[in-house]
C-alpha atoms as a PDB file:
ATOM      1  CA  MET A   1      -7.081  17.731  71.630  1.00  0.00           C
ATOM      2  CA  THR A   2      -4.820  15.533  69.490  1.00  0.00           C
ATOM      3  CA  SER A   3      -7.382  15.355  66.686  1.00  0.00           C
ATOM      4  CA  GLU A   4      -7.222  19.150  66.303  1.00  0.00           C
ATOM      5  CA  LEU A   5      -3.438  19.072  66.194  1.00  0.00           C
ATOM      6  CA  THR A   6      -3.441  16.339  63.563  1.00  0.00           C
ATOM      7  CA  GLU A   7      -5.863  18.326  61.432  1.00  0.00           C
ATOM      8  CA  SER A   8      -3.452  21.272  61.481  1.00  0.00           C
ATOM      9  CA  THR A   9      -0.059  19.541  61.207  1.00  0.00           C
ATOM     10  CA  GLY A  10      -0.540  15.985  60.039  1.00  0.00           C
ATOM     11  CA  ALA A  11       1.466  14.678  62.998  1.00  0.00           C
ATOM     12  CA  GLU A  12       0.628  11.284  64.392  1.00  0.00           C
ATOM     13  CA  THR A  13      -1.259  11.107  67.660  1.00  0.00           C
ATOM     14  CA  SER A  14      -0.410   9.192  70.809  1.00  0.00           C
ATOM     15  CA  ALA A  15      -2.334   7.765  73.725  1.00  0.00           C
ATOM     16  CA  ALA A  16      -3.447   9.964  76.606  1.00  0.00           C
ATOM     17  CA  PRO A  17      -1.004  10.074  79.534  1.00  0.00           C
ATOM     18  CA  PRO A  18      -1.950   8.816  82.956  1.00  0.00           C
ATOM     19  CA  ALA A  19      -3.297  11.302  85.484  1.00  0.00           C
ATOM     20  CA  HIS A  20      -0.878  12.810  87.990  1.00  0.00           C
ATOM     21  CA  GLU A  21      -1.362  13.414  91.668  1.00  0.00           C
ATOM     22  CA  PRO A  22      -2.426  17.004  92.483  1.00  0.00           C
ATOM     23  CA  LEU A  23       0.335  19.221  93.787  1.00  0.00           C
ATOM     24  CA  SER A  24       0.434  20.184  97.418  1.00  0.00           C
ATOM     25  CA  MET A  25      -0.003  23.833  98.409  1.00  0.00           C
ATOM     26  CA  VAL A  26       3.662  23.953  99.488  1.00  0.00           C
ATOM     27  CA  VAL A  27       4.859  22.817  96.060  1.00  0.00           C
ATOM     28  CA  GLN A  28       2.478  25.199  94.320  1.00  0.00           C
ATOM     29  CA  LEU A  29       3.722  28.148  96.352  1.00  0.00           C
ATOM     30  CA  ALA A  30       7.357  27.138  95.768  1.00  0.00           C
ATOM     31  CA  THR A  31       6.740  26.941  92.044  1.00  0.00           C
ATOM     32  CA  LEU A  32       5.077  30.335  91.972  1.00  0.00           C
ATOM     33  CA  THR A  33       7.987  31.821  93.925  1.00  0.00           C
ATOM     34  CA  THR A  34      10.507  30.616  91.344  1.00  0.00           C
ATOM     35  CA  VAL A  35       8.643  32.591  88.721  1.00  0.00           C
ATOM     36  CA  VAL A  36       7.881  35.746  90.689  1.00  0.00           C
ATOM     37  CA  LEU A  37      11.201  36.156  92.496  1.00  0.00           C
ATOM     38  CA  PRO A  38      13.488  36.658  89.453  1.00  0.00           C
ATOM     39  CA  PHE A  39      11.120  39.233  88.010  1.00  0.00           C
ATOM     40  CA  ALA A  40      10.828  40.952  91.361  1.00  0.00           C
ATOM     41  CA  GLY A  41      14.617  41.136  91.430  1.00  0.00           C
ATOM     42  CA  LEU A  42      14.712  42.585  87.931  1.00  0.00           C
ATOM     43  CA  VAL A  43      12.133  45.232  88.861  1.00  0.00           C
ATOM     44  CA  ALA A  44      14.179  46.052  91.970  1.00  0.00           C
ATOM     45  CA  ALA A  45      17.319  46.449  89.858  1.00  0.00           C
ATOM     46  CA  MET A  46      15.481  48.760  87.455  1.00  0.00           C
ATOM     47  CA  THR A  47      14.227  50.831  90.370  1.00  0.00           C
ATOM     48  CA  LEU A  48      17.651  51.102  91.984  1.00  0.00           C
ATOM     49  CA  LEU A  49      19.235  52.063  88.682  1.00  0.00           C
ATOM     50  CA  TRP A  50      16.614  54.685  87.853  1.00  0.00           C
ATOM     51  CA  HIS A  51      18.340  57.833  86.489  1.00  0.00           C
ATOM     52  CA  VAL A  52      21.701  56.031  86.841  1.00  0.00           C
ATOM     53  CA  ALA A  53      21.672  53.337  84.158  1.00  0.00           C
ATOM     54  CA  PHE A  54      17.951  53.201  83.483  1.00  0.00           C
ATOM     55  CA  ASN A  55      15.232  55.751  82.738  1.00  0.00           C
ATOM     56  CA  TRP A  56      12.130  56.322  80.605  1.00  0.00           C
ATOM     57  CA  THR A  57      14.148  56.147  77.400  1.00  0.00           C
ATOM     58  CA  TYR A  58      15.429  52.658  78.095  1.00  0.00           C
ATOM     59  CA  LEU A  59      12.120  51.569  79.611  1.00  0.00           C
ATOM     60  CA  ALA A  60      10.440  52.497  76.322  1.00  0.00           C
ATOM     61  CA  ILE A  61      13.116  50.679  74.281  1.00  0.00           C
ATOM     62  CA  PHE A  62      12.831  47.623  76.536  1.00  0.00           C
ATOM     63  CA  GLY A  63       9.021  47.608  76.404  1.00  0.00           C
ATOM     64  CA  ALA A  64       8.828  48.087  72.638  1.00  0.00           C
ATOM     65  CA  MET A  65      11.381  45.367  71.890  1.00  0.00           C
ATOM     66  CA  TYR A  66       9.774  42.991  74.360  1.00  0.00           C
ATOM     67  CA  PHE A  67       6.311  43.518  72.906  1.00  0.00           C
ATOM     68  CA  LEU A  68       7.367  43.199  69.270  1.00  0.00           C
ATOM     69  CA  THR A  69       9.501  40.090  69.754  1.00  0.00           C
ATOM     70  CA  ALA A  70       6.912  38.492  72.042  1.00  0.00           C
ATOM     71  CA  ILE A  71       4.261  39.024  69.368  1.00  0.00           C
ATOM     72  CA  GLY A  72       6.617  37.315  66.929  1.00  0.00           C
ATOM     73  CA  ILE A  73       6.606  34.269  69.211  1.00  0.00           C
ATOM     74  CA  THR A  74       2.975  34.216  70.376  1.00  0.00           C
ATOM     75  CA  VAL A  75       1.163  35.337  67.230  1.00  0.00           C
ATOM     76  CA  GLY A  76       3.776  34.141  64.734  1.00  0.00           C
ATOM     77  CA  PHE A  77       5.737  31.090  65.852  1.00  0.00           C
ATOM     78  CA  HIS A  78       2.942  29.692  68.001  1.00  0.00           C
ATOM     79  CA  ARG A  79      -0.566  30.522  66.810  1.00  0.00           C
ATOM     80  CA  LEU A  80       0.157  31.029  63.105  1.00  0.00           C
ATOM     81  CA  PHE A  81       3.025  28.711  62.195  1.00  0.00           C
ATOM     82  CA  THR A  82       2.553  25.894  64.741  1.00  0.00           C
ATOM     83  CA  HIS A  83      -1.236  25.686  64.848  1.00  0.00           C
ATOM     84  CA  GLY A  84      -2.498  27.518  61.780  1.00  0.00           C
ATOM     85  CA  SER A  85      -5.085  29.364  63.871  1.00  0.00           C
ATOM     86  CA  PHE A  86      -5.492  32.093  61.242  1.00  0.00           C
ATOM     87  CA  LYS A  87      -4.321  32.996  57.742  1.00  0.00           C
ATOM     88  CA  THR A  88      -2.367  36.028  56.684  1.00  0.00           C
ATOM     89  CA  SER A  89      -0.324  37.470  53.848  1.00  0.00           C
ATOM     90  CA  ARG A  90       3.218  36.459  52.982  1.00  0.00           C
ATOM     91  CA  PRO A  91       4.757  39.802  54.094  1.00  0.00           C
ATOM     92  CA  VAL A  92       3.079  39.495  57.508  1.00  0.00           C
ATOM     93  CA  LYS A  93       4.283  35.899  57.799  1.00  0.00           C
ATOM     94  CA  VAL A  94       7.871  36.949  57.082  1.00  0.00           C
ATOM     95  CA  ALA A  95       7.633  39.907  59.477  1.00  0.00           C
ATOM     96  CA  LEU A  96       6.302  37.700  62.297  1.00  0.00           C
ATOM     97  CA  GLY A  97       8.982  35.119  61.565  1.00  0.00           C
ATOM     98  CA  VAL A  98      11.730  37.712  61.792  1.00  0.00           C
ATOM     99  CA  LEU A  99      10.324  39.254  64.987  1.00  0.00           C
ATOM    100  CA  GLY A 100      10.036  35.827  66.602  1.00  0.00           C
ATOM    101  CA  SER A 101      13.608  34.998  65.600  1.00  0.00           C
ATOM    102  CA  MET A 102      14.803  38.196  67.331  1.00  0.00           C
ATOM    103  CA  SER A 103      13.679  36.645  70.622  1.00  0.00           C
ATOM    104  CA  LEU A 104      16.584  34.174  70.278  1.00  0.00           C
ATOM    105  CA  GLN A 105      14.474  31.128  71.117  1.00  0.00           C
ATOM    106  CA  GLY A 106      15.736  29.094  68.163  1.00  0.00           C
ATOM    107  CA  PRO A 107      15.113  28.895  64.407  1.00  0.00           C
ATOM    108  CA  LEU A 108      11.490  29.017  63.264  1.00  0.00           C
ATOM    109  CA  LEU A 109      11.311  25.434  61.962  1.00  0.00           C
ATOM    110  CA  THR A 110      12.956  23.975  65.040  1.00  0.00           C
ATOM    111  CA  TRP A 111      10.715  25.945  67.421  1.00  0.00           C
ATOM    112  CA  VAL A 112       7.573  24.789  65.603  1.00  0.00           C
ATOM    113  CA  ALA A 113       8.699  21.168  65.428  1.00  0.00           C
ATOM    114  CA  VAL A 114       9.439  21.011  69.165  1.00  0.00           C
ATOM    115  CA  HIS A 115       6.112  22.587  70.044  1.00  0.00           C
ATOM    116  CA  ARG A 116       4.137  20.266  67.786  1.00  0.00           C
ATOM    117  CA  ARG A 117       5.905  17.294  69.352  1.00  0.00           C
ATOM    118  CA  HIS A 118       4.999  18.706  72.782  1.00  0.00           C
ATOM    119  CA  HIS A 119       1.322  18.723  71.843  1.00  0.00           C
ATOM    120  CA  GLN A 120       1.444  15.252  70.353  1.00  0.00           C
ATOM    121  CA  CYS A 121       3.094  13.759  73.431  1.00  0.00           C
ATOM    122  CA  SER A 122       2.069  16.268  76.096  1.00  0.00           C
ATOM    123  CA  ASP A 123       3.183  15.121  79.577  1.00  0.00           C
ATOM    124  CA  GLU A 124       4.170  11.709  78.224  1.00  0.00           C
ATOM    125  CA  SER A 125       7.677  10.253  78.019  1.00  0.00           C
ATOM    126  CA  LEU A 126       8.380  11.759  74.591  1.00  0.00           C
ATOM    127  CA  ASP A 127       7.263  15.262  75.544  1.00  0.00           C
ATOM    128  CA  PRO A 128      10.406  17.444  75.116  1.00  0.00           C
ATOM    129  CA  HIS A 129       9.711  19.491  78.245  1.00  0.00           C
ATOM    130  CA  SER A 130       7.186  17.908  80.563  1.00  0.00           C
ATOM    131  CA  PRO A 131       7.775  18.597  84.280  1.00  0.00           C
ATOM    132  CA  HIS A 132       6.096  15.289  85.187  1.00  0.00           C
ATOM    133  CA  ALA A 133       8.942  12.891  84.404  1.00  0.00           C
ATOM    134  CA  TYR A 134      10.737  12.842  87.752  1.00  0.00           C
ATOM    135  CA  GLY A 135       8.209  11.338  90.137  1.00  0.00           C
ATOM    136  CA  GLY A 136       6.162  12.942  92.898  1.00  0.00           C
ATOM    137  CA  GLY A 137       7.066  14.850  96.019  1.00  0.00           C
ATOM    138  CA  VAL A 138       8.824  18.154  96.413  1.00  0.00           C
ATOM    139  CA  TRP A 139      12.185  16.946  95.026  1.00  0.00           C
ATOM    140  CA  GLY A 140      10.580  15.324  92.005  1.00  0.00           C
ATOM    141  CA  THR A 141       8.614  18.469  91.308  1.00  0.00           C
ATOM    142  CA  VAL A 142      11.711  20.666  91.642  1.00  0.00           C
ATOM    143  CA  ARG A 143      13.625  18.447  89.225  1.00  0.00           C
ATOM    144  CA  GLY A 144      10.685  18.376  86.830  1.00  0.00           C
ATOM    145  CA  PHE A 145      10.300  22.139  86.980  1.00  0.00           C
ATOM    146  CA  ALA A 146      14.030  22.661  86.256  1.00  0.00           C
ATOM    147  CA  HIS A 147      13.836  20.264  83.302  1.00  0.00           C
ATOM    148  CA  ALA A 148      10.688  21.841  81.822  1.00  0.00           C
ATOM    149  CA  HIS A 149      11.887  25.386  82.345  1.00  0.00           C
ATOM    150  CA  LEU A 150      15.435  25.169  81.102  1.00  0.00           C
ATOM    151  CA  GLY A 151      17.072  21.743  81.354  1.00  0.00           C
ATOM    152  CA  TRP A 152      15.371  20.207  78.323  1.00  0.00           C
ATOM    153  CA  MET A 153      17.337  22.492  76.001  1.00  0.00           C
ATOM    154  CA  PHE A 154      20.578  20.784  77.056  1.00  0.00           C
ATOM    155  CA  ARG A 155      19.304  17.362  76.035  1.00  0.00           C
ATOM    156  CA  PRO A 156      20.093  15.887  72.582  1.00  0.00           C
ATOM    157  CA  GLU A 157      17.624  17.031  69.951  1.00  0.00           C
ATOM    158  CA  ALA A 158      15.199  14.384  68.638  1.00  0.00           C
ATOM    159  CA  ARG A 159      16.265  13.088  65.225  1.00  0.00           C
ATOM    160  CA  ASP A 160      12.786  13.042  63.719  1.00  0.00           C
ATOM    161  CA  LEU A 161      11.825  16.680  64.290  1.00  0.00           C
ATOM    162  CA  ALA A 162      11.786  17.455  60.555  1.00  0.00           C
ATOM    163  CA  ARG A 163       8.680  15.334  60.088  1.00  0.00           C
ATOM    164  CA  TYR A 164       6.695  17.820  62.136  1.00  0.00           C
ATOM    165  CA  THR A 165       7.276  20.731  59.758  1.00  0.00           C
ATOM    166  CA  GLY A 166       6.676  19.315  56.298  1.00  0.00           C
ATOM    167  CA  ASP A 167       4.029  21.971  55.597  1.00  0.00           C
ATOM    168  CA  LEU A 168       6.334  24.865  56.490  1.00  0.00           C
ATOM    169  CA  ARG A 169       9.306  23.431  54.592  1.00  0.00           C
ATOM    170  CA  ARG A 170       7.361  23.840  51.355  1.00  0.00           C
ATOM    171  CA  ASP A 171       7.425  27.617  51.886  1.00  0.00           C
ATOM    172  CA  LYS A 172      10.771  28.974  50.664  1.00  0.00           C
ATOM    173  CA  ALA A 173      10.322  32.315  52.423  1.00  0.00           C
ATOM    174  CA  LEU A 174       9.788  30.669  55.818  1.00  0.00           C
ATOM    175  CA  CYS A 175      12.733  28.334  55.238  1.00  0.00           C
ATOM    176  CA  GLY A 176      14.825  31.414  54.551  1.00  0.00           C
ATOM    177  CA  VAL A 177      13.654  33.087  57.735  1.00  0.00           C
ATOM    178  CA  SER A 178      14.584  29.969  59.688  1.00  0.00           C
ATOM    179  CA  ARG A 179      17.945  29.549  57.970  1.00  0.00           C
ATOM    180  CA  PHE A 180      19.059  33.110  58.802  1.00  0.00           C
ATOM    181  CA  PHE A 181      18.013  32.870  62.460  1.00  0.00           C
ATOM    182  CA  LEU A 182      21.328  34.184  63.776  1.00  0.00           C
ATOM    183  CA  LEU A 183      21.151  37.224  61.518  1.00  0.00           C
ATOM    184  CA  TRP A 184      17.737  38.174  62.909  1.00  0.00           C
ATOM    185  CA  GLY A 185      18.978  37.532  66.450  1.00  0.00           C
ATOM    186  CA  VAL A 186      21.921  39.911  65.972  1.00  0.00           C
ATOM    187  CA  LEU A 187      19.593  42.470  64.422  1.00  0.00           C
ATOM    188  CA  GLY A 188      17.361  42.216  67.500  1.00  0.00           C
ATOM    189  CA  LEU A 189      20.327  43.118  69.679  1.00  0.00           C
ATOM    190  CA  ALA A 190      21.700  45.842  67.395  1.00  0.00           C
ATOM    191  CA  LEU A 191      18.421  47.671  66.792  1.00  0.00           C
ATOM    192  CA  PRO A 192      17.812  48.841  70.404  1.00  0.00           C
ATOM    193  CA  ALA A 193      21.469  49.863  70.626  1.00  0.00           C
ATOM    194  CA  VAL A 194      21.109  52.038  67.536  1.00  0.00           C
ATOM    195  CA  VAL A 195      17.859  53.541  68.801  1.00  0.00           C
ATOM    196  CA  GLY A 196      19.402  54.249  72.208  1.00  0.00           C
ATOM    197  CA  GLY A 197      22.350  55.971  70.577  1.00  0.00           C
ATOM    198  CA  LEU A 198      20.191  58.091  68.243  1.00  0.00           C
ATOM    199  CA  VAL A 199      17.797  59.164  70.991  1.00  0.00           C
ATOM    200  CA  THR A 200      20.528  60.195  73.404  1.00  0.00           C
ATOM    201  CA  MET A 201      23.221  61.009  70.805  1.00  0.00           C
ATOM    202  CA  SER A 202      25.775  59.247  72.959  1.00  0.00           C
ATOM    203  CA  TRP A 203      27.784  56.026  73.117  1.00  0.00           C
ATOM    204  CA  THR A 204      26.346  55.485  76.586  1.00  0.00           C
ATOM    205  CA  GLY A 205      22.928  55.370  74.929  1.00  0.00           C
ATOM    206  CA  VAL A 206      24.200  52.729  72.523  1.00  0.00           C
ATOM    207  CA  LEU A 207      25.460  50.602  75.401  1.00  0.00           C
ATOM    208  CA  LEU A 208      22.366  50.971  77.581  1.00  0.00           C
ATOM    209  CA  GLY A 209      20.025  50.469  74.618  1.00  0.00           C
ATOM    210  CA  PHE A 210      21.850  47.215  73.898  1.00  0.00           C
ATOM    211  CA  LEU A 211      21.688  46.218  77.553  1.00  0.00           C
ATOM    212  CA  TRP A 212      17.996  46.925  78.262  1.00  0.00           C
ATOM    213  CA  GLY A 213      16.424  46.499  74.828  1.00  0.00           C
ATOM    214  CA  GLY A 214      18.722  43.627  73.948  1.00  0.00           C
ATOM    215  CA  LEU A 215      20.122  41.437  76.701  1.00  0.00           C
ATOM    216  CA  VAL A 216      17.610  42.146  79.462  1.00  0.00           C
ATOM    217  CA  ARG A 217      14.703  41.910  77.029  1.00  0.00           C
ATOM    218  CA  VAL A 218      15.949  38.505  75.798  1.00  0.00           C
ATOM    219  CA  PHE A 219      16.363  37.329  79.392  1.00  0.00           C
ATOM    220  CA  VAL A 220      12.801  38.306  80.315  1.00  0.00           C
ATOM    221  CA  GLY A 221      11.349  36.898  77.113  1.00  0.00           C
ATOM    222  CA  HIS A 222      13.107  33.575  77.635  1.00  0.00           C
ATOM    223  CA  HIS A 223      11.892  33.079  81.180  1.00  0.00           C
ATOM    224  CA  VAL A 224       8.309  34.125  80.343  1.00  0.00           C
ATOM    225  CA  THR A 225       8.168  31.612  77.481  1.00  0.00           C
ATOM    226  CA  TRP A 226       9.828  28.868  79.558  1.00  0.00           C
ATOM    227  CA  SER A 227       7.269  29.505  82.289  1.00  0.00           C
ATOM    228  CA  VAL A 228       4.549  28.371  79.886  1.00  0.00           C
ATOM    229  CA  ASN A 229       6.377  25.011  79.638  1.00  0.00           C
ATOM    230  CA  SER A 230       7.033  24.665  83.370  1.00  0.00           C
ATOM    231  CA  VAL A 231       4.626  26.697  85.507  1.00  0.00           C
ATOM    232  CA  CYS A 232       1.629  26.151  83.245  1.00  0.00           C
ATOM    233  CA  HIS A 233       1.968  22.381  83.543  1.00  0.00           C
ATOM    234  CA  LEU A 234       2.268  22.528  87.326  1.00  0.00           C
ATOM    235  CA  TRP A 235       0.413  25.443  88.865  1.00  0.00           C
ATOM    236  CA  GLY A 236      -2.966  26.930  87.984  1.00  0.00           C
ATOM    237  CA  THR A 237      -6.528  25.971  87.142  1.00  0.00           C
ATOM    238  CA  ARG A 238      -8.147  23.586  84.709  1.00  0.00           C
ATOM    239  CA  ASP A 239     -11.281  24.922  83.055  1.00  0.00           C
ATOM    240  CA  TYR A 240     -11.437  22.314  80.295  1.00  0.00           C
ATOM    241  CA  ALA A 241     -10.762  18.592  79.965  1.00  0.00           C
ATOM    242  CA  SER A 242      -7.447  17.822  78.235  1.00  0.00           C
ATOM    243  CA  ASP A 243      -5.229  14.742  77.988  1.00  0.00           C
ATOM    244  CA  ASP A 244      -2.407  16.280  80.008  1.00  0.00           C
ATOM    245  CA  GLU A 245      -1.605  18.474  83.018  1.00  0.00           C
ATOM    246  CA  SER A 246      -1.859  21.883  81.340  1.00  0.00           C
ATOM    247  CA  ARG A 247      -2.988  24.752  83.568  1.00  0.00           C
ATOM    248  CA  ASN A 248      -4.305  28.302  83.228  1.00  0.00           C
ATOM    249  CA  ASN A 249      -2.015  30.691  85.076  1.00  0.00           C
ATOM    250  CA  ALA A 250      -3.045  34.363  85.236  1.00  0.00           C
ATOM    251  CA  LEU A 251       0.422  35.736  85.951  1.00  0.00           C
ATOM    252  CA  VAL A 252       1.973  33.967  82.979  1.00  0.00           C
ATOM    253  CA  GLY A 253      -1.135  34.819  80.960  1.00  0.00           C
ATOM    254  CA  ILE A 254      -0.426  38.515  81.360  1.00  0.00           C
ATOM    255  CA  LEU A 255       3.382  38.369  81.002  1.00  0.00           C
ATOM    256  CA  ALA A 256       3.202  36.058  77.963  1.00  0.00           C
ATOM    257  CA  LEU A 257       0.528  38.113  76.180  1.00  0.00           C
ATOM    258  CA  GLY A 258      -2.154  35.434  76.583  1.00  0.00           C
ATOM    259  CA  GLU A 259      -0.054  32.259  76.329  1.00  0.00           C
ATOM    260  CA  GLY A 260      -0.524  31.474  80.021  1.00  0.00           C
ATOM    261  CA  TRP A 261      -4.148  30.393  79.490  1.00  0.00           C
ATOM    262  CA  HIS A 262      -2.502  27.106  78.725  1.00  0.00           C
ATOM    263  CA  ASN A 263      -5.254  24.672  79.669  1.00  0.00           C
ATOM    264  CA  ASN A 264      -7.594  26.534  77.321  1.00  0.00           C
ATOM    265  CA  HIS A 265      -4.968  26.203  74.614  1.00  0.00           C
ATOM    266  CA  HIS A 266      -4.388  22.478  75.104  1.00  0.00           C
ATOM    267  CA  ALA A 267      -8.123  21.842  75.089  1.00  0.00           C
ATOM    268  CA  PHE A 268      -8.479  23.773  71.809  1.00  0.00           C
ATOM    269  CA  PRO A 269      -4.997  23.845  70.189  1.00  0.00           C
ATOM    270  CA  THR A 270      -5.969  25.482  66.892  1.00  0.00           C
ATOM    271  CA  SER A 271      -7.922  28.329  68.494  1.00  0.00           C
ATOM    272  CA  ALA A 272      -6.467  31.785  67.832  1.00  0.00           C
ATOM    273  CA  ARG A 273      -7.975  32.901  71.131  1.00  0.00           C
ATOM    274  CA  HIS A 274      -6.471  31.480  74.332  1.00  0.00           C
ATOM    275  CA  GLY A 275      -8.225  33.722  76.858  1.00  0.00           C
ATOM    276  CA  LEU A 276     -11.677  32.216  76.474  1.00  0.00           C
ATOM    277  CA  ARG A 277     -13.349  34.166  79.290  1.00  0.00           C
ATOM    278  CA  TRP A 278     -13.916  37.912  79.264  1.00  0.00           C
ATOM    279  CA  TRP A 279     -11.467  38.493  82.107  1.00  0.00           C
ATOM    280  CA  GLN A 280      -8.684  36.340  80.649  1.00  0.00           C
ATOM    281  CA  ILE A 281      -6.557  39.018  79.008  1.00  0.00           C
ATOM    282  CA  ASP A 282      -5.160  37.804  75.674  1.00  0.00           C
ATOM    283  CA  MET A 283      -3.160  40.554  73.990  1.00  0.00           C
ATOM    284  CA  SER A 284      -2.017  38.209  71.209  1.00  0.00           C
ATOM    285  CA  TYR A 285      -5.590  37.552  70.181  1.00  0.00           C
ATOM    286  CA  LEU A 286      -6.266  41.294  70.087  1.00  0.00           C
ATOM    287  CA  ILE A 287      -3.309  41.690  67.732  1.00  0.00           C
ATOM    288  CA  ILE A 288      -4.757  39.001  65.452  1.00  0.00           C
ATOM    289  CA  ARG A 289      -8.116  40.804  65.461  1.00  0.00           C
ATOM    290  CA  LEU A 290      -6.299  44.057  64.652  1.00  0.00           C
ATOM    291  CA  LEU A 291      -4.649  42.339  61.682  1.00  0.00           C
ATOM    292  CA  GLU A 292      -8.114  41.187  60.624  1.00  0.00           C
ATOM    293  CA  MET A 293      -9.470  44.762  60.774  1.00  0.00           C
ATOM    294  CA  MET A 294      -6.493  45.870  58.669  1.00  0.00           C
ATOM    295  CA  GLY A 295      -7.462  43.272  56.056  1.00  0.00           C
ATOM    296  CA  VAL A 296      -4.350  41.099  56.411  1.00  0.00           C
ATOM    297  CA  ALA A 297      -5.736  38.249  58.555  1.00  0.00           C
ATOM    298  CA  SER A 298      -8.643  35.892  57.866  1.00  0.00           C
ATOM    299  CA  ASP A 299     -10.110  32.502  58.831  1.00  0.00           C
ATOM    300  CA  ILE A 300      -9.508  33.131  62.514  1.00  0.00           C
ATOM    301  CA  ARG A 301     -10.303  29.899  64.314  1.00  0.00           C
ATOM    302  CA  LYS A 302     -12.162  29.739  67.648  1.00  0.00           C
ATOM    303  CA  PRO A 303     -14.065  26.926  69.384  1.00  0.00           C
ATOM    304  CA  SER A 304     -17.836  27.161  69.321  1.00  0.00           C
ATOM    305  CA  ARG A 305     -19.754  27.767  72.530  1.00  0.00           C
ATOM    306  CA  GLU A 306     -21.122  24.206  72.275  1.00  0.00           C
ATOM    307  CA  ARG A 307     -17.663  22.658  72.063  1.00  0.00           C
ATOM    308  CA  MET A 308     -16.440  24.753  74.956  1.00  0.00           C
ATOM    309  CA  GLU A 309     -19.344  23.704  77.151  1.00  0.00           C
ATOM    310  CA  ALA A 310     -18.898  20.062  76.212  1.00  0.00           C
ATOM    311  CA  ARG A 311     -15.282  20.120  77.395  1.00  0.00           C
ATOM    312  CA  ARG A 312     -15.709  22.297  80.448  1.00  0.00           C
ATOM    313  CA  VAL A 313     -14.548  20.607  83.630  1.00  0.00           C
ATOM    314  CA  GLY A 314     -17.610  19.789  85.684  1.00  0.00           C
ATOM    315  CA  GLY A 315     -19.829  20.910  82.840  1.00  0.00           C
END
């Protein structure tokens, strides 16, 4: 795994972490509940507010903004900029960078640096958001989950992050995208408000467009992405051998447009395709293939069947 990351980023590698004890069924169910329950509450709120402060107009605005900004993260920030899993034109790079920035998950260069460090030190002491740093048992797992999901962002930022993005810093356009992160974030909040106002021709439409296509969309996008860090290192299946505790989680796989097939990804970091089995839905990979058919994506990287079989658990 680390050799593939080094090939793409030039980052130094580190030793494989020790194995962790398997989680009990109680802990697994508790972890799953922490992911499902907030989204169930959100769906309930949407249902209760139907035709009051929510309807098809705002559902469409929410869905479109979620999809576009999620693609900016999954296809852009992650598969393209972090791992170089395909090549594309400069306009597409800038567009993906702007869309990803609208998700308000941090500037492009910082996001990439943190994720590359995560791969280099996955589930070791220097991993920025491993859930395996607080010991075993239910309490240790709860603390680890909280850290991996959200708490790590309140820790001091590592001083050497810049060394992970030397390749991207040579691209002035991408540096500009990263530098104006707050501008793109504000644009991502203003755009659904404008659309809501124009569709309904009302100030109420502006407010509700901002609420559902802006704030709620950011909330959902954040928790889906954070679930890749937390849930997908605690709960799920392992199809391939990797030097960490990454897991494939179908629920996160669907919500995160393919990012939840996390064990597949850690086994083959530079692969543009994360859903490696026919039933593992990977919308982000389909977008990359669409870009290829449009003539703006090339050199799409995937592991060979032989490499996949060699790393398959029990294979």
